[in-house]
Amino acid sequence: MDGAVSDPGQLLRGLRPVLHPGVQVFATVPRREDAEGLAFLASFQEEEGLTLVLEEGEAARAGLEPLFRAAWITLTVHSALEAVGLTAAVAAALARESIACNVIAAARHDHLFVPVDRAQDALRVLAGLAEGAGTDG
């Protein structure tokens, strides 16, 4: 499993969130071909078009309408893709503070996209979640 963590308590204790600089936006293009030449962080093909996550300036240069302006936070714990409960625990903690969160799970880490103006609040919530897990386990 290459060091991936699946134990819920260990995942929460090891969150170690990192806030990336800049602003990311969610935007869509009708077809995959419309994204050629764009430097994007992530993409997902939906029936209605291709959703992109990309730096705000890149979206502006391409004339894409931002659907959501986000701060990008990486949970640096190496979470197993089959781990149960991490997304739910993080989303619930953020929801209690009325912080929207879009999560992308990659092979090693989970990436959170929260409203830009709530980034510091989200980091505070995540630190509290990790600290609380340390006292439970």
N, C-alpha and C. Protein backbone atom coordinates (compact mmCIF):
# COMPACT_ATOMS: atom_id res chain seq x y z
N MET A 1 0.83 -1.20 0.00
CA MET A 1 0.00 0.00 0.00
C MET A 1 0.87 1.25 0.00
N ASP A 2 2.18 1.13 -0.06
CA ASP A 2 3.09 2.26 -0.25
C ASP A 2 2.95 3.32 0.83
N GLY A 3 2.74 2.92 2.07
CA GLY A 3 2.66 3.87 3.17
C GLY A 3 1.34 4.60 3.30
N ALA A 4 0.37 4.24 2.48
CA ALA A 4 -0.93 4.90 2.54
C ALA A 4 -1.64 4.54 3.85
N VAL A 5 -2.32 5.54 4.40
CA VAL A 5 -3.01 5.38 5.68
C VAL A 5 -4.50 5.17 5.43
N SER A 6 -5.08 4.17 6.11
CA SER A 6 -6.52 3.96 5.98
C SER A 6 -7.25 4.03 7.32
N ASP A 7 -6.52 3.98 8.43
CA ASP A 7 -7.14 4.07 9.75
C ASP A 7 -7.71 5.48 9.94
N PRO A 8 -9.03 5.59 10.23
CA PRO A 8 -9.65 6.92 10.34
C PRO A 8 -9.00 7.85 11.36
N GLY A 9 -8.67 7.35 12.53
CA GLY A 9 -8.04 8.19 13.55
C GLY A 9 -6.67 8.67 13.12
N GLN A 10 -5.90 7.77 12.54
CA GLN A 10 -4.56 8.12 12.07
C GLN A 10 -4.64 9.14 10.93
N LEU A 11 -5.62 8.98 10.07
CA LEU A 11 -5.81 9.95 8.98
C LEU A 11 -6.07 11.34 9.54
N LEU A 12 -6.99 11.43 10.48
CA LEU A 12 -7.35 12.73 11.04
C LEU A 12 -6.19 13.35 11.82
N ARG A 13 -5.49 12.54 12.60
CA ARG A 13 -4.34 13.07 13.36
C ARG A 13 -3.24 13.57 12.44
N GLY A 14 -3.14 12.98 11.25
CA GLY A 14 -2.06 13.33 10.34
C GLY A 14 -2.45 14.27 9.21
N LEU A 15 -3.58 14.95 9.32
CA LEU A 15 -4.07 15.81 8.23
C LEU A 15 -2.99 16.74 7.67
N ARG A 16 -2.32 17.48 8.51
CA ARG A 16 -1.29 18.45 8.13
C ARG A 16 -1.67 19.24 6.86
N PRO A 17 -2.69 20.09 6.96
CA PRO A 17 -3.13 20.84 5.79
C PRO A 17 -2.12 21.90 5.35
N VAL A 18 -1.96 22.05 4.05
CA VAL A 18 -1.08 23.06 3.48
C VAL A 18 -1.90 23.91 2.51
N LEU A 19 -1.86 25.22 2.72
CA LEU A 19 -2.55 26.16 1.85
C LEU A 19 -1.61 26.57 0.73
N HIS A 20 -2.03 26.36 -0.50
CA HIS A 20 -1.24 26.74 -1.67
C HIS A 20 -1.48 28.22 -1.98
N PRO A 21 -0.49 28.90 -2.53
CA PRO A 21 -0.68 30.31 -2.88
C PRO A 21 -1.61 30.45 -4.08
N GLY A 22 -2.19 31.62 -4.22
CA GLY A 22 -3.00 31.91 -5.39
C GLY A 22 -4.45 31.51 -5.23
N VAL A 23 -5.17 31.73 -6.31
CA VAL A 23 -6.60 31.42 -6.37
C VAL A 23 -6.83 30.45 -7.52
N GLN A 24 -7.54 29.39 -7.22
CA GLN A 24 -7.96 28.43 -8.23
C GLN A 24 -9.43 28.68 -8.55
N VAL A 25 -9.84 28.39 -9.77
CA VAL A 25 -11.25 28.52 -10.12
C VAL A 25 -11.73 27.23 -10.77
N PHE A 26 -13.01 26.98 -10.60
CA PHE A 26 -13.69 25.92 -11.33
C PHE A 26 -14.35 26.60 -12.53
N ALA A 27 -14.19 26.01 -13.70
CA ALA A 27 -14.79 26.53 -14.92
C ALA A 27 -15.11 25.35 -15.82
N THR A 28 -15.91 25.58 -16.83
CA THR A 28 -16.25 24.50 -17.75
C THR A 28 -15.99 24.92 -19.19
N VAL A 29 -15.71 23.92 -20.01
CA VAL A 29 -15.63 24.09 -21.46
C VAL A 29 -16.51 23.00 -22.07
N PRO A 30 -17.09 23.27 -23.24
CA PRO A 30 -18.01 22.29 -23.82
C PRO A 30 -17.36 20.95 -24.18
N ARG A 31 -16.13 21.02 -24.72
CA ARG A 31 -15.47 19.80 -25.19
C ARG A 31 -14.04 19.74 -24.69
N ARG A 32 -13.51 18.54 -24.56
CA ARG A 32 -12.13 18.35 -24.13
C ARG A 32 -11.17 19.13 -25.02
N GLU A 33 -11.44 19.19 -26.30
CA GLU A 33 -10.57 19.91 -27.23
C GLU A 33 -10.46 21.39 -26.88
N ASP A 34 -11.50 21.93 -26.24
CA ASP A 34 -11.50 23.35 -25.85
C ASP A 34 -10.50 23.64 -24.73
N ALA A 35 -9.98 22.61 -24.10
CA ALA A 35 -9.01 22.79 -23.02
C ALA A 35 -7.57 22.69 -23.51
N GLU A 36 -7.38 22.38 -24.79
CA GLU A 36 -6.03 22.26 -25.33
C GLU A 36 -5.27 23.56 -25.15
N GLY A 37 -4.05 23.44 -24.66
CA GLY A 37 -3.21 24.61 -24.45
C GLY A 37 -3.40 25.27 -23.10
N LEU A 38 -4.39 24.84 -22.33
CA LEU A 38 -4.62 25.41 -20.99
C LEU A 38 -3.81 24.64 -19.95
N ALA A 39 -3.24 25.37 -19.02
CA ALA A 39 -2.54 24.74 -17.89
C ALA A 39 -3.55 24.60 -16.76
N PHE A 40 -4.09 23.40 -16.57
CA PHE A 40 -5.07 23.20 -15.51
C PHE A 40 -4.56 22.21 -14.49
N LEU A 41 -5.08 22.35 -13.29
CA LEU A 41 -4.69 21.51 -12.17
C LEU A 41 -5.43 20.18 -12.21
N ALA A 42 -6.71 20.21 -12.55
CA ALA A 42 -7.53 19.00 -12.58
C ALA A 42 -8.64 19.17 -13.59
N SER A 43 -9.15 18.03 -14.03
CA SER A 43 -10.29 18.05 -14.95
C SER A 43 -11.18 16.85 -14.67
N PHE A 44 -12.43 17.01 -15.04
CA PHE A 44 -13.38 15.90 -14.94
C PHE A 44 -14.38 16.02 -16.07
N GLN A 45 -14.50 14.94 -16.83
CA GLN A 45 -15.42 14.93 -17.95
C GLN A 45 -16.82 14.57 -17.48
N GLU A 46 -17.76 15.48 -17.68
CA GLU A 46 -19.16 15.23 -17.38
C GLU A 46 -19.93 15.23 -18.68
N GLU A 47 -21.13 14.73 -18.65
CA GLU A 47 -21.95 14.67 -19.85
C GLU A 47 -22.13 16.06 -20.47
N GLU A 48 -22.24 17.08 -19.61
CA GLU A 48 -22.51 18.44 -20.08
C GLU A 48 -21.26 19.19 -20.55
N GLY A 49 -20.09 18.67 -20.27
CA GLY A 49 -18.86 19.33 -20.67
C GLY A 49 -17.72 18.95 -19.75
N LEU A 50 -16.59 19.59 -19.94
CA LEU A 50 -15.39 19.31 -19.17
C LEU A 50 -15.24 20.35 -18.07
N THR A 51 -15.21 19.90 -16.81
CA THR A 51 -14.96 20.79 -15.69
C THR A 51 -13.45 20.89 -15.49
N LEU A 52 -12.97 22.11 -15.34
CA LEU A 52 -11.55 22.35 -15.12
C LEU A 52 -11.35 23.05 -13.79
N VAL A 53 -10.25 22.75 -13.14
CA VAL A 53 -9.78 23.52 -11.99
C VAL A 53 -8.45 24.11 -12.44
N LEU A 54 -8.39 25.43 -12.45
CA LEU A 54 -7.18 26.09 -12.93
C LEU A 54 -6.97 27.42 -12.23
N GLU A 55 -5.73 27.91 -12.35
CA GLU A 55 -5.37 29.18 -11.72
C GLU A 55 -6.23 30.29 -12.31
N GLU A 56 -6.63 31.21 -11.46
CA GLU A 56 -7.55 32.27 -11.87
C GLU A 56 -7.05 33.06 -13.08
N GLY A 57 -5.79 33.39 -13.10
CA GLY A 57 -5.23 34.14 -14.23
C GLY A 57 -5.29 33.36 -15.52
N GLU A 58 -5.05 32.07 -15.45
CA GLU A 58 -5.12 31.21 -16.64
C GLU A 58 -6.55 31.18 -17.18
N ALA A 59 -7.52 31.08 -16.28
CA ALA A 59 -8.92 31.08 -16.70
C ALA A 59 -9.27 32.41 -17.36
N ALA A 60 -8.81 33.51 -16.77
CA ALA A 60 -9.10 34.83 -17.34
C ALA A 60 -8.48 34.98 -18.72
N ARG A 61 -7.24 34.53 -18.89
CA ARG A 61 -6.58 34.60 -20.20
C ARG A 61 -7.35 33.82 -21.26
N ALA A 62 -7.97 32.72 -20.83
CA ALA A 62 -8.73 31.88 -21.76
C ALA A 62 -10.16 32.35 -21.93
N GLY A 63 -10.55 33.39 -21.20
CA GLY A 63 -11.92 33.90 -21.29
C GLY A 63 -12.96 32.99 -20.67
N LEU A 64 -12.52 32.18 -19.68
CA LEU A 64 -13.45 31.26 -19.02
C LEU A 64 -14.10 31.95 -17.83
N GLU A 65 -15.39 31.71 -17.67
CA GLU A 65 -16.13 32.27 -16.54
C GLU A 65 -15.87 31.43 -15.29
N PRO A 66 -15.38 32.05 -14.23
CA PRO A 66 -15.19 31.29 -12.99
C PRO A 66 -16.54 30.94 -12.36
N LEU A 67 -16.75 29.67 -12.07
CA LEU A 67 -17.96 29.23 -11.40
C LEU A 67 -17.79 29.24 -9.89
N PHE A 68 -16.54 29.12 -9.44
CA PHE A 68 -16.22 29.08 -8.02
C PHE A 68 -14.77 29.50 -7.85
N ARG A 69 -14.51 30.53 -7.05
CA ARG A 69 -13.15 30.97 -6.73
C ARG A 69 -12.75 30.28 -5.43
N ALA A 70 -11.60 29.61 -5.46
CA ALA A 70 -11.25 28.76 -4.33
C ALA A 70 -9.80 28.90 -3.90
N ALA A 71 -9.62 28.69 -2.60
CA ALA A 71 -8.29 28.46 -2.05
C ALA A 71 -8.08 26.95 -2.08
N TRP A 72 -6.85 26.56 -2.40
CA TRP A 72 -6.51 25.13 -2.53
C TRP A 72 -5.72 24.70 -1.30
N ILE A 73 -6.27 23.73 -0.58
CA ILE A 73 -5.62 23.17 0.61
C ILE A 73 -5.37 21.69 0.35
N THR A 74 -4.12 21.27 0.55
CA THR A 74 -3.78 19.84 0.44
C THR A 74 -3.67 19.25 1.84
N LEU A 75 -4.33 18.13 2.04
CA LEU A 75 -4.15 17.35 3.28
C LEU A 75 -2.95 16.45 3.01
N THR A 76 -1.83 16.71 3.67
CA THR A 76 -0.59 16.04 3.30
C THR A 76 -0.46 14.62 3.85
N VAL A 77 -1.43 14.19 4.66
CA VAL A 77 -1.43 12.78 5.07
C VAL A 77 -1.59 11.94 3.80
N HIS A 78 -0.83 10.84 3.71
CA HIS A 78 -0.92 9.95 2.54
C HIS A 78 -2.12 9.03 2.73
N SER A 79 -3.26 9.49 2.24
CA SER A 79 -4.51 8.76 2.45
C SER A 79 -4.70 7.68 1.39
N ALA A 80 -5.10 6.51 1.86
CA ALA A 80 -5.40 5.41 0.95
C ALA A 80 -6.70 5.72 0.21
N LEU A 81 -6.75 5.41 -1.06
CA LEU A 81 -7.96 5.68 -1.83
C LEU A 81 -9.16 4.90 -1.30
N GLU A 82 -8.90 3.76 -0.65
CA GLU A 82 -10.02 2.97 -0.12
C GLU A 82 -10.34 3.32 1.33
N ALA A 83 -9.68 4.31 1.89
CA ALA A 83 -9.95 4.72 3.27
C ALA A 83 -11.39 5.21 3.39
N VAL A 84 -11.99 4.91 4.53
CA VAL A 84 -13.39 5.27 4.77
C VAL A 84 -13.47 6.37 5.83
N GLY A 85 -14.20 7.43 5.52
CA GLY A 85 -14.54 8.41 6.53
C GLY A 85 -13.79 9.73 6.50
N LEU A 86 -12.66 9.80 5.83
CA LEU A 86 -11.89 11.05 5.85
C LEU A 86 -12.67 12.19 5.22
N THR A 87 -13.18 11.99 4.03
CA THR A 87 -13.93 13.05 3.35
C THR A 87 -15.14 13.46 4.18
N ALA A 88 -15.84 12.48 4.73
CA ALA A 88 -17.03 12.78 5.53
C ALA A 88 -16.67 13.60 6.76
N ALA A 89 -15.60 13.23 7.46
CA ALA A 89 -15.21 13.94 8.68
C ALA A 89 -14.79 15.38 8.36
N VAL A 90 -14.01 15.54 7.31
CA VAL A 90 -13.54 16.88 6.92
C VAL A 90 -14.73 17.73 6.48
N ALA A 91 -15.58 17.17 5.63
CA ALA A 91 -16.74 17.92 5.14
C ALA A 91 -17.67 18.31 6.28
N ALA A 92 -17.90 17.40 7.22
CA ALA A 92 -18.79 17.70 8.35
C ALA A 92 -18.21 18.81 9.23
N ALA A 93 -16.90 18.75 9.49
CA ALA A 93 -16.28 19.78 10.32
C ALA A 93 -16.37 21.15 9.65
N LEU A 94 -16.11 21.20 8.36
CA LEU A 94 -16.21 22.47 7.62
C LEU A 94 -17.65 22.94 7.53
N ALA A 95 -18.58 22.02 7.34
CA ALA A 95 -20.00 22.38 7.24
C ALA A 95 -20.50 23.00 8.54
N ARG A 96 -20.01 22.50 9.68
CA ARG A 96 -20.41 23.08 10.97
C ARG A 96 -20.06 24.56 11.05
N GLU A 97 -19.07 24.98 10.29
CA GLU A 97 -18.65 26.39 10.26
C GLU A 97 -19.16 27.10 9.00
N SER A 98 -20.07 26.44 8.29
CA SER A 98 -20.65 26.99 7.05
C SER A 98 -19.58 27.30 5.99
N ILE A 99 -18.60 26.40 5.87
CA ILE A 99 -17.54 26.54 4.87
C ILE A 99 -17.78 25.51 3.78
N ALA A 100 -18.06 26.00 2.58
CA ALA A 100 -18.23 25.11 1.43
C ALA A 100 -16.90 24.42 1.13
N CYS A 101 -16.96 23.20 0.63
CA CYS A 101 -15.73 22.46 0.35
C CYS A 101 -15.96 21.51 -0.82
N ASN A 102 -15.11 21.60 -1.80
CA ASN A 102 -15.08 20.65 -2.90
C ASN A 102 -13.80 19.85 -2.74
N VAL A 103 -13.91 18.52 -2.78
CA VAL A 103 -12.79 17.63 -2.52
C VAL A 103 -12.42 16.88 -3.78
N ILE A 104 -11.12 16.82 -4.04
CA ILE A 104 -10.60 15.96 -5.10
C ILE A 104 -9.61 15.02 -4.45
N ALA A 105 -9.88 13.73 -4.58
CA ALA A 105 -8.97 12.72 -4.05
C ALA A 105 -8.02 12.31 -5.17
N ALA A 106 -6.73 12.46 -4.91
CA ALA A 106 -5.72 12.00 -5.86
C ALA A 106 -5.07 10.73 -5.29
N ALA A 107 -4.08 10.22 -5.95
CA ALA A 107 -3.49 8.94 -5.56
C ALA A 107 -2.88 8.95 -4.16
N ARG A 108 -2.36 10.09 -3.72
CA ARG A 108 -1.69 10.14 -2.42
C ARG A 108 -2.34 11.08 -1.41
N HIS A 109 -2.98 12.13 -1.88
CA HIS A 109 -3.50 13.14 -0.98
C HIS A 109 -4.89 13.57 -1.40
N ASP A 110 -5.60 14.16 -0.44
CA ASP A 110 -6.90 14.78 -0.72
C ASP A 110 -6.67 16.28 -0.82
N HIS A 111 -7.37 16.89 -1.75
CA HIS A 111 -7.22 18.31 -2.03
C HIS A 111 -8.57 18.98 -1.83
N LEU A 112 -8.58 20.02 -1.01
CA LEU A 112 -9.81 20.72 -0.68
C LEU A 112 -9.80 22.07 -1.38
N PHE A 113 -10.96 22.45 -1.88
CA PHE A 113 -11.13 23.75 -2.51
C PHE A 113 -12.26 24.45 -1.75
N VAL A 114 -11.87 25.49 -1.03
CA VAL A 114 -12.80 26.22 -0.17
C VAL A 114 -12.88 27.66 -0.66
N PRO A 115 -13.95 28.39 -0.32
CA PRO A 115 -14.02 29.79 -0.74
C PRO A 115 -12.77 30.56 -0.30
N VAL A 116 -12.26 31.38 -1.21
CA VAL A 116 -11.03 32.12 -0.95
C VAL A 116 -11.08 32.86 0.38
N ASP A 117 -12.18 33.51 0.66
CA ASP A 117 -12.27 34.32 1.87
C ASP A 117 -12.44 33.49 3.15
N ARG A 118 -12.53 32.18 3.02
CA ARG A 118 -12.68 31.31 4.20
C ARG A 118 -11.47 30.39 4.39
N ALA A 119 -10.40 30.63 3.65
CA ALA A 119 -9.23 29.74 3.71
C ALA A 119 -8.66 29.63 5.12
N GLN A 120 -8.46 30.74 5.78
CA GLN A 120 -7.87 30.71 7.13
C GLN A 120 -8.82 30.05 8.13
N ASP A 121 -10.12 30.28 7.94
CA ASP A 121 -11.10 29.60 8.79
C ASP A 121 -11.03 28.08 8.58
N ALA A 122 -10.90 27.67 7.34
CA ALA A 122 -10.81 26.24 7.03
C ALA A 122 -9.56 25.63 7.67
N LEU A 123 -8.44 26.33 7.59
CA LEU A 123 -7.21 25.81 8.22
C LEU A 123 -7.40 25.66 9.73
N ARG A 124 -8.07 26.62 10.35
CA ARG A 124 -8.34 26.56 11.79
C ARG A 124 -9.20 25.34 12.12
N VAL A 125 -10.25 25.13 11.32
CA VAL A 125 -11.15 23.99 11.54
C VAL A 125 -10.39 22.67 11.38
N LEU A 126 -9.57 22.58 10.35
CA LEU A 126 -8.82 21.35 10.11
C LEU A 126 -7.81 21.08 11.22
N ALA A 127 -7.18 22.13 11.73
CA ALA A 127 -6.25 21.97 12.86
C ALA A 127 -7.02 21.45 14.07
N GLY A 128 -8.20 21.99 14.32
CA GLY A 128 -9.01 21.52 15.43
C GLY A 128 -9.46 20.08 15.26
N LEU A 129 -9.77 19.71 14.04
CA LEU A 129 -10.17 18.32 13.76
C LEU A 129 -9.03 17.36 14.05
N ALA A 130 -7.83 17.72 13.60
CA ALA A 130 -6.66 16.88 13.84
C ALA A 130 -6.34 16.81 15.33
N GLU A 131 -6.43 17.95 16.00
CA GLU A 131 -6.16 17.98 17.44
C GLU A 131 -7.18 17.14 18.21
N GLY A 132 -8.44 17.25 17.84
CA GLY A 132 -9.50 16.47 18.48
C GLY A 132 -9.31 14.98 18.26
N ALA A 133 -8.82 14.59 17.10
CA ALA A 133 -8.59 13.17 16.82
C ALA A 133 -7.44 12.64 17.67
N GLY A 134 -6.49 13.52 17.97
CA GLY A 134 -5.35 13.12 18.81
C GLY A 134 -5.77 12.80 20.23
N THR A 135 -6.82 13.47 20.72
CA THR A 135 -7.27 13.22 22.08
C THR A 135 -8.21 12.02 22.16
N ASP A 136 -8.78 11.63 21.00
CA ASP A 136 -9.69 10.48 20.99
C ASP A 136 -8.95 9.16 20.91
N GLY A 137 -7.78 9.19 20.30
CA GLY A 137 -7.20 7.94 19.95
C GLY A 137 -6.10 7.47 20.77
